[in-house]
Amino acid sequence: MSEQPPSFYRIEEAARILRISRSKCYELANAWLDSGGQFGLPVVRLGRVMRVPRTAIDRFLQVGSGPSAA
């Protein structure tokens, strides 16, 4: 029986999956928060903690981070 991937990833885990630096992943996550979800890497903020939804990583891998990538 195969194990399901987690529903949310830590920033470090998302960076590893996307093959980018941890700093770049934080930059993209903060861009998402600062732009009101217009561009960047979608995250959910839980207090001081940010988590990246698995579905956001799947979409990000398919289309990129913003309108210019589509």
Protein backbone atom coordinates (compact mmCIF):
# COMPACT_ATOMS: atom_id res chain seq x y z
CA MET A 1 0.00 0.00 0.00
CA SER A 2 1.54 3.31 -1.07
CA GLU A 3 1.69 6.21 1.35
CA GLN A 4 -0.08 9.44 0.38
CA PRO A 5 2.07 12.58 0.15
CA PRO A 6 1.36 15.21 2.82
CA SER A 7 -1.32 17.81 2.17
CA PHE A 8 1.04 20.63 3.20
CA TYR A 9 4.81 21.05 2.98
CA ARG A 10 7.24 23.14 4.99
CA ILE A 11 9.03 25.81 2.96
CA GLU A 12 12.22 23.73 3.03
CA GLU A 13 10.41 20.69 1.66
CA ALA A 14 8.72 22.73 -1.07
CA ALA A 15 12.09 24.22 -2.07
CA ARG A 16 13.57 20.73 -2.39
CA ILE A 17 10.66 19.54 -4.54
CA LEU A 18 10.86 22.61 -6.77
CA ARG A 19 14.68 22.36 -6.87
CA ILE A 20 15.15 25.97 -5.79
CA SER A 21 16.92 27.47 -2.79
CA ARG A 22 15.17 27.89 0.52
CA SER A 23 15.64 31.66 0.23
CA LYS A 24 14.02 31.72 -3.22
CA CYS A 25 11.09 29.68 -1.90
CA TYR A 26 10.57 32.17 0.95
CA GLU A 27 10.81 35.01 -1.58
CA LEU A 28 8.10 33.43 -3.75
CA ALA A 29 5.92 32.69 -0.70
CA ASN A 30 6.22 36.28 0.52
CA ALA A 31 5.46 37.56 -2.97
CA TRP A 32 2.22 35.53 -2.86
CA LEU A 33 1.26 37.06 0.48
CA ASP A 34 2.27 40.61 -0.51
CA SER A 35 0.44 40.48 -3.86
CA GLY A 36 -2.78 39.13 -2.40
CA GLY A 37 -2.35 35.90 -4.33
CA GLN A 38 -1.63 37.46 -7.73
CA PHE A 39 1.77 35.79 -8.19
CA GLY A 40 4.36 33.77 -6.35
CA LEU A 41 4.08 30.45 -4.55
CA PRO A 42 0.74 29.96 -2.76
CA VAL A 43 1.09 29.48 0.97
CA VAL A 44 -1.15 29.20 4.00
CA ARG A 45 -0.06 31.21 7.02
CA LEU A 46 -0.65 29.60 10.41
CA GLY A 47 0.52 32.23 12.88
CA ARG A 48 4.22 32.69 12.14
CA VAL A 49 4.43 29.45 10.17
CA MET A 50 3.94 29.18 6.41
CA ARG A 51 2.89 25.95 4.74
CA VAL A 52 2.70 25.22 1.02
CA PRO A 53 -0.33 23.17 -0.08
CA ARG A 54 0.53 20.12 -2.18
CA THR A 55 -1.98 21.25 -4.80
CA ALA A 56 -0.16 24.59 -5.08
CA ILE A 57 3.12 22.80 -5.82
CA ASP A 58 1.40 20.65 -8.44
CA ARG A 59 -0.04 23.75 -10.15
CA PHE A 60 3.21 25.67 -9.82
CA LEU A 61 5.11 22.87 -11.53
CA GLN A 62 2.60 22.91 -14.40
CA VAL A 63 2.24 26.64 -15.06
CA GLY A 64 4.95 28.55 -13.17
CA SER A 65 4.63 31.44 -10.78
CA GLY A 66 2.69 34.06 -12.69
CA PRO A 67 0.89 35.20 -15.81
CA SER A 68 4.10 35.55 -17.84
CA ALA A 69 4.81 31.84 -17.34
CA ALA A 70 1.41 30.69 -18.66
